[in-house]
Amino acid sequence: MEVVVGRVAKAHGIRGELTVEVRTDSPEERFRSGAVLTSRRRDGSTAELTVAAARPHSGRLLVTFEQIRTREDAEAIRGALLLADTADLPPTEDPDEFYDHELEGLRAELTDGTVVGTIQEVVHAPGAELLSLDREGQTVLVPFAREIVPVVDVAGGRVVLDPPEGLLDG
């Protein structure tokens, strides 16, 4: 299984360097020299890319891949998602920390056990993380905060919700 660790925002300079929006808590590991990532372009095509170098720049990373040497090559990959294999991810040390892929597909239930839907994805919005919940074909966004999501039971395949009135009404 693969997980998104970044998205190519744009080309930077003339030598194939890319501006990457980071979507991982471990950019130093995911974008270390020699790391191999899969790029998935908007048309669905994929290619393996090997990180040659990476450096911070204005809240993003500037990344050079061995396979991308010109600005034209860099422009061609604009908008691509950068994926890492979940088998390569280190285990989380904090019991309250989870990888997005661990939450996707979990059953969402209320504190009384009533099933209310399935977690589709974790949305990283400015200032907050949200759980995108499929509730009878409708998408409902639930703030991923301890007050509203008091229990995350990955092994049990569920998250427990204690939502304020009206939150799940869509």
C-alpha atoms as a PDB file:
ATOM      1  CA  MET A   1       0.000   0.000   0.000  1.00  0.00           C
ATOM      2  CA  GLU A   2       1.208   3.499  -0.768  1.00  0.00           C
ATOM      3  CA  VAL A   3       0.650   6.751   1.078  1.00  0.00           C
ATOM      4  CA  VAL A   4       0.959  10.347  -0.200  1.00  0.00           C
ATOM      5  CA  VAL A   5       4.027  12.116   1.214  1.00  0.00           C
ATOM      6  CA  GLY A   6       4.016  15.167  -1.053  1.00  0.00           C
ATOM      7  CA  ARG A   7       2.659  16.921  -4.127  1.00  0.00           C
ATOM      8  CA  VAL A   8       4.710  18.603  -6.814  1.00  0.00           C
ATOM      9  CA  ALA A   9       3.653  22.262  -6.845  1.00  0.00           C
ATOM     10  CA  LYS A  10       5.857  23.642  -9.625  1.00  0.00           C
ATOM     11  CA  ALA A  11       9.257  23.685 -11.284  1.00  0.00           C
ATOM     12  CA  HIS A  12      11.970  25.770  -9.630  1.00  0.00           C
ATOM     13  CA  GLY A  13      14.868  27.080 -11.680  1.00  0.00           C
ATOM     14  CA  ILE A  14      16.231  25.570 -14.886  1.00  0.00           C
ATOM     15  CA  ARG A  15      17.883  22.353 -13.658  1.00  0.00           C
ATOM     16  CA  GLY A  16      14.833  20.232 -12.845  1.00  0.00           C
ATOM     17  CA  GLU A  17      14.408  21.195  -9.201  1.00  0.00           C
ATOM     18  CA  LEU A  18      10.817  20.927  -7.947  1.00  0.00           C
ATOM     19  CA  THR A  19       8.845  22.786  -5.294  1.00  0.00           C
ATOM     20  CA  VAL A  20       7.064  20.119  -3.223  1.00  0.00           C
ATOM     21  CA  GLU A  21       4.190  20.561  -0.772  1.00  0.00           C
ATOM     22  CA  VAL A  22       5.036  18.184   2.070  1.00  0.00           C
ATOM     23  CA  ARG A  23       2.315  15.810   3.324  1.00  0.00           C
ATOM     24  CA  THR A  24       4.314  13.804   5.837  1.00  0.00           C
ATOM     25  CA  ASP A  25       5.455  14.316   9.411  1.00  0.00           C
ATOM     26  CA  SER A  26       8.878  12.881   8.475  1.00  0.00           C
ATOM     27  CA  PRO A  27      10.132  14.912   5.493  1.00  0.00           C
ATOM     28  CA  GLU A  28      13.751  14.324   6.504  1.00  0.00           C
ATOM     29  CA  GLU A  29      13.175  10.561   6.138  1.00  0.00           C
ATOM     30  CA  ARG A  30      10.824  10.527   3.142  1.00  0.00           C
ATOM     31  CA  PHE A  31      12.921  12.992   1.089  1.00  0.00           C
ATOM     32  CA  ARG A  32      16.401  11.900   2.160  1.00  0.00           C
ATOM     33  CA  SER A  33      19.010  11.435  -0.559  1.00  0.00           C
ATOM     34  CA  GLY A  34      18.540   8.007  -2.133  1.00  0.00           C
ATOM     35  CA  ALA A  35      14.890   7.601  -1.093  1.00  0.00           C
ATOM     36  CA  VAL A  36      12.714   6.130  -3.838  1.00  0.00           C
ATOM     37  CA  LEU A  37       9.211   7.539  -4.302  1.00  0.00           C
ATOM     38  CA  THR A  38       6.496   6.824  -6.830  1.00  0.00           C
ATOM     39  CA  SER A  39       5.072   9.778  -8.729  1.00  0.00           C
ATOM     40  CA  ARG A  40       1.452   9.570  -9.833  1.00  0.00           C
ATOM     41  CA  ARG A  41       0.530  12.132 -12.462  1.00  0.00           C
ATOM     42  CA  ARG A  42      -2.966  13.459 -13.011  1.00  0.00           C
ATOM     43  CA  ASP A  43      -3.475  11.081 -15.949  1.00  0.00           C
ATOM     44  CA  GLY A  44      -2.802   8.127 -13.619  1.00  0.00           C
ATOM     45  CA  SER A  45       0.624   7.266 -15.027  1.00  0.00           C
ATOM     46  CA  THR A  46       3.316   6.414 -12.491  1.00  0.00           C
ATOM     47  CA  ALA A  47       7.115   6.464 -12.380  1.00  0.00           C
ATOM     48  CA  GLU A  48       9.744   5.749  -9.742  1.00  0.00           C
ATOM     49  CA  LEU A  49      11.850   8.735  -8.714  1.00  0.00           C
ATOM     50  CA  THR A  50      15.031   8.721  -6.636  1.00  0.00           C
ATOM     51  CA  VAL A  51      15.716  11.751  -4.424  1.00  0.00           C
ATOM     52  CA  ALA A  52      19.088  13.329  -5.246  1.00  0.00           C
ATOM     53  CA  ALA A  53      18.734  16.259  -2.818  1.00  0.00           C
ATOM     54  CA  ALA A  54      16.143  18.193  -0.816  1.00  0.00           C
ATOM     55  CA  ARG A  55      16.200  21.463   1.091  1.00  0.00           C
ATOM     56  CA  PRO A  56      13.611  23.606   2.881  1.00  0.00           C
ATOM     57  CA  HIS A  57      12.305  26.680   1.057  1.00  0.00           C
ATOM     58  CA  SER A  58       9.443  28.986   2.153  1.00  0.00           C
ATOM     59  CA  GLY A  59       7.466  26.303   4.012  1.00  0.00           C
ATOM     60  CA  ARG A  60       7.960  23.731   1.247  1.00  0.00           C
ATOM     61  CA  LEU A  61      10.817  21.597   0.008  1.00  0.00           C
ATOM     62  CA  LEU A  62      12.942  22.061  -3.066  1.00  0.00           C
ATOM     63  CA  VAL A  63      13.630  18.544  -4.312  1.00  0.00           C
ATOM     64  CA  THR A  64      15.925  17.276  -7.039  1.00  0.00           C
ATOM     65  CA  PHE A  65      15.280  13.805  -8.434  1.00  0.00           C
ATOM     66  CA  GLU A  66      17.907  11.832 -10.339  1.00  0.00           C
ATOM     67  CA  GLN A  67      15.473  11.231 -13.213  1.00  0.00           C
ATOM     68  CA  ILE A  68      14.469  14.900 -13.674  1.00  0.00           C
ATOM     69  CA  ARG A  69      17.241  17.093 -15.057  1.00  0.00           C
ATOM     70  CA  THR A  70      15.586  19.943 -16.994  1.00  0.00           C
ATOM     71  CA  ARG A  71      12.904  22.522 -16.390  1.00  0.00           C
ATOM     72  CA  GLU A  72      10.828  20.850 -19.117  1.00  0.00           C
ATOM     73  CA  ASP A  73      10.988  17.507 -17.270  1.00  0.00           C
ATOM     74  CA  ALA A  74      10.023  19.314 -14.058  1.00  0.00           C
ATOM     75  CA  GLU A  75       7.078  21.094 -15.708  1.00  0.00           C
ATOM     76  CA  ALA A  76       5.800  17.755 -17.047  1.00  0.00           C
ATOM     77  CA  ILE A  77       5.447  16.367 -13.518  1.00  0.00           C
ATOM     78  CA  ARG A  78       3.713  19.437 -12.051  1.00  0.00           C
ATOM     79  CA  GLY A  79       0.745  18.432  -9.861  1.00  0.00           C
ATOM     80  CA  ALA A  80       1.925  14.835  -9.423  1.00  0.00           C
ATOM     81  CA  LEU A  81       1.453  13.115  -6.081  1.00  0.00           C
ATOM     82  CA  LEU A  82       4.563  11.624  -4.487  1.00  0.00           C
ATOM     83  CA  LEU A  83       3.932   8.275  -2.803  1.00  0.00           C
ATOM     84  CA  ALA A  84       5.902   6.103  -0.387  1.00  0.00           C
ATOM     85  CA  ASP A  85       5.281   2.453   0.424  1.00  0.00           C
ATOM     86  CA  THR A  86       3.609   2.115   3.853  1.00  0.00           C
ATOM     87  CA  ALA A  87       5.841  -0.891   4.579  1.00  0.00           C
ATOM     88  CA  ASP A  88       8.762   1.574   4.670  1.00  0.00           C
ATOM     89  CA  LEU A  89       7.134   3.779   7.310  1.00  0.00           C
ATOM     90  CA  PRO A  90       8.554   3.566  10.821  1.00  0.00           C
ATOM     91  CA  PRO A  91       6.102   2.624  13.590  1.00  0.00           C
ATOM     92  CA  THR A  92       4.663   5.586  15.472  1.00  0.00           C
ATOM     93  CA  GLU A  93       5.999   5.946  18.994  1.00  0.00           C
ATOM     94  CA  ASP A  94       3.036   7.985  20.273  1.00  0.00           C
ATOM     95  CA  PRO A  95      -0.164   5.988  20.921  1.00  0.00           C
ATOM     96  CA  ASP A  96      -2.180   9.090  19.945  1.00  0.00           C
ATOM     97  CA  GLU A  97      -0.489   9.417  16.528  1.00  0.00           C
ATOM     98  CA  PHE A  98      -1.726   7.633  13.417  1.00  0.00           C
ATOM     99  CA  TYR A  99      -0.842   7.476   9.758  1.00  0.00           C
ATOM    100  CA  ASP A 100      -3.694   8.566   7.485  1.00  0.00           C
ATOM    101  CA  HIS A 101      -3.874   5.143   5.817  1.00  0.00           C
ATOM    102  CA  GLU A 102      -4.448   3.490   9.229  1.00  0.00           C
ATOM    103  CA  LEU A 103      -7.668   5.494   9.701  1.00  0.00           C
ATOM    104  CA  GLU A 104      -9.069   5.209   6.187  1.00  0.00           C
ATOM    105  CA  GLY A 105     -11.756   2.513   6.036  1.00  0.00           C
ATOM    106  CA  LEU A 106     -12.380   2.390   9.788  1.00  0.00           C
ATOM    107  CA  ARG A 107     -15.975   2.128  10.983  1.00  0.00           C
ATOM    108  CA  ALA A 108     -17.248   5.293  12.687  1.00  0.00           C
ATOM    109  CA  GLU A 109     -19.640   4.724  15.563  1.00  0.00           C
ATOM    110  CA  LEU A 110     -21.230   6.761  18.325  1.00  0.00           C
ATOM    111  CA  THR A 111     -20.418   6.216  22.001  1.00  0.00           C
ATOM    112  CA  ASP A 112     -23.488   3.949  22.266  1.00  0.00           C
ATOM    113  CA  GLY A 113     -22.169   1.697  19.451  1.00  0.00           C
ATOM    114  CA  THR A 114     -24.459   2.979  16.682  1.00  0.00           C
ATOM    115  CA  VAL A 115     -22.583   2.797  13.380  1.00  0.00           C
ATOM    116  CA  VAL A 116     -22.755   6.130  11.533  1.00  0.00           C
ATOM    117  CA  GLY A 117     -20.397   5.570   8.589  1.00  0.00           C
ATOM    118  CA  THR A 118     -16.878   4.866   7.352  1.00  0.00           C
ATOM    119  CA  ILE A 119     -13.765   7.054   7.363  1.00  0.00           C
ATOM    120  CA  GLN A 120     -12.908   7.917   3.726  1.00  0.00           C
ATOM    121  CA  GLU A 121      -9.804  10.013   4.327  1.00  0.00           C
ATOM    122  CA  VAL A 122      -8.018  12.411   6.640  1.00  0.00           C
ATOM    123  CA  VAL A 123      -8.235  15.996   5.367  1.00  0.00           C
ATOM    124  CA  HIS A 124      -5.345  18.255   6.366  1.00  0.00           C
ATOM    125  CA  ALA A 125      -6.989  21.676   6.396  1.00  0.00           C
ATOM    126  CA  PRO A 126      -5.220  24.839   7.557  1.00  0.00           C
ATOM    127  CA  GLY A 127      -5.258  24.792  11.344  1.00  0.00           C
ATOM    128  CA  ALA A 128      -7.080  21.481  11.752  1.00  0.00           C
ATOM    129  CA  GLU A 129      -7.331  17.883  10.673  1.00  0.00           C
ATOM    130  CA  LEU A 130     -10.724  16.532   9.662  1.00  0.00           C
ATOM    131  CA  LEU A 131     -12.062  13.038   9.168  1.00  0.00           C
ATOM    132  CA  SER A 132     -14.042  12.724   5.948  1.00  0.00           C
ATOM    133  CA  LEU A 133     -16.869  10.364   6.830  1.00  0.00           C
ATOM    134  CA  ASP A 134     -19.054   8.533   4.301  1.00  0.00           C
ATOM    135  CA  ARG A 135     -22.475   8.603   5.919  1.00  0.00           C
ATOM    136  CA  GLU A 136     -25.097   6.863   3.779  1.00  0.00           C
ATOM    137  CA  GLY A 137     -23.568   8.218   0.576  1.00  0.00           C
ATOM    138  CA  GLN A 138     -23.079  11.733   1.953  1.00  0.00           C
ATOM    139  CA  THR A 139     -19.704  13.150   2.965  1.00  0.00           C
ATOM    140  CA  VAL A 140     -19.533  14.675   6.437  1.00  0.00           C
ATOM    141  CA  LEU A 141     -16.399  16.347   7.806  1.00  0.00           C
ATOM    142  CA  VAL A 142     -15.679  15.705  11.478  1.00  0.00           C
ATOM    143  CA  PRO A 143     -12.971  17.637  13.365  1.00  0.00           C
ATOM    144  CA  PHE A 144     -10.279  15.150  14.437  1.00  0.00           C
ATOM    145  CA  ALA A 145     -10.118  16.385  18.027  1.00  0.00           C
ATOM    146  CA  ARG A 146     -10.113  14.309  21.214  1.00  0.00           C
ATOM    147  CA  GLU A 147     -13.380  15.942  22.391  1.00  0.00           C
ATOM    148  CA  ILE A 148     -15.203  14.690  19.276  1.00  0.00           C
ATOM    149  CA  VAL A 149     -13.153  11.541  18.525  1.00  0.00           C
ATOM    150  CA  PRO A 150     -12.358  10.172  22.002  1.00  0.00           C
ATOM    151  CA  VAL A 151     -11.410   6.655  20.835  1.00  0.00           C
ATOM    152  CA  VAL A 152      -9.333   5.475  17.885  1.00  0.00           C
ATOM    153  CA  ASP A 153      -9.153   1.684  17.858  1.00  0.00           C
ATOM    154  CA  VAL A 154      -7.159   0.753  14.751  1.00  0.00           C
ATOM    155  CA  ALA A 155      -6.869  -2.907  15.785  1.00  0.00           C
ATOM    156  CA  GLY A 156     -10.651  -3.042  16.365  1.00  0.00           C
ATOM    157  CA  GLY A 157     -11.351  -1.298  13.038  1.00  0.00           C
ATOM    158  CA  ARG A 158     -13.269   1.612  14.535  1.00  0.00           C
ATOM    159  CA  VAL A 159     -13.285   5.190  15.751  1.00  0.00           C
ATOM    160  CA  VAL A 160     -15.767   6.359  18.353  1.00  0.00           C
ATOM    161  CA  LEU A 161     -17.435   9.731  17.841  1.00  0.00           C
ATOM    162  CA  ASP A 162     -19.021  11.975  20.453  1.00  0.00           C
ATOM    163  CA  PRO A 163     -20.238  14.769  18.149  1.00  0.00           C
ATOM    164  CA  PRO A 164     -21.998  17.940  19.206  1.00  0.00           C
ATOM    165  CA  GLU A 165     -25.641  18.157  18.176  1.00  0.00           C
ATOM    166  CA  GLY A 166     -26.111  18.676  14.444  1.00  0.00           C
ATOM    167  CA  LEU A 167     -22.534  17.843  13.369  1.00  0.00           C
ATOM    168  CA  LEU A 168     -23.466  14.649  11.541  1.00  0.00           C
ATOM    169  CA  ASP A 169     -26.572  16.101   9.916  1.00  0.00           C
ATOM    170  CA  GLY A 170     -24.523  17.074   6.836  1.00  0.00           C
END
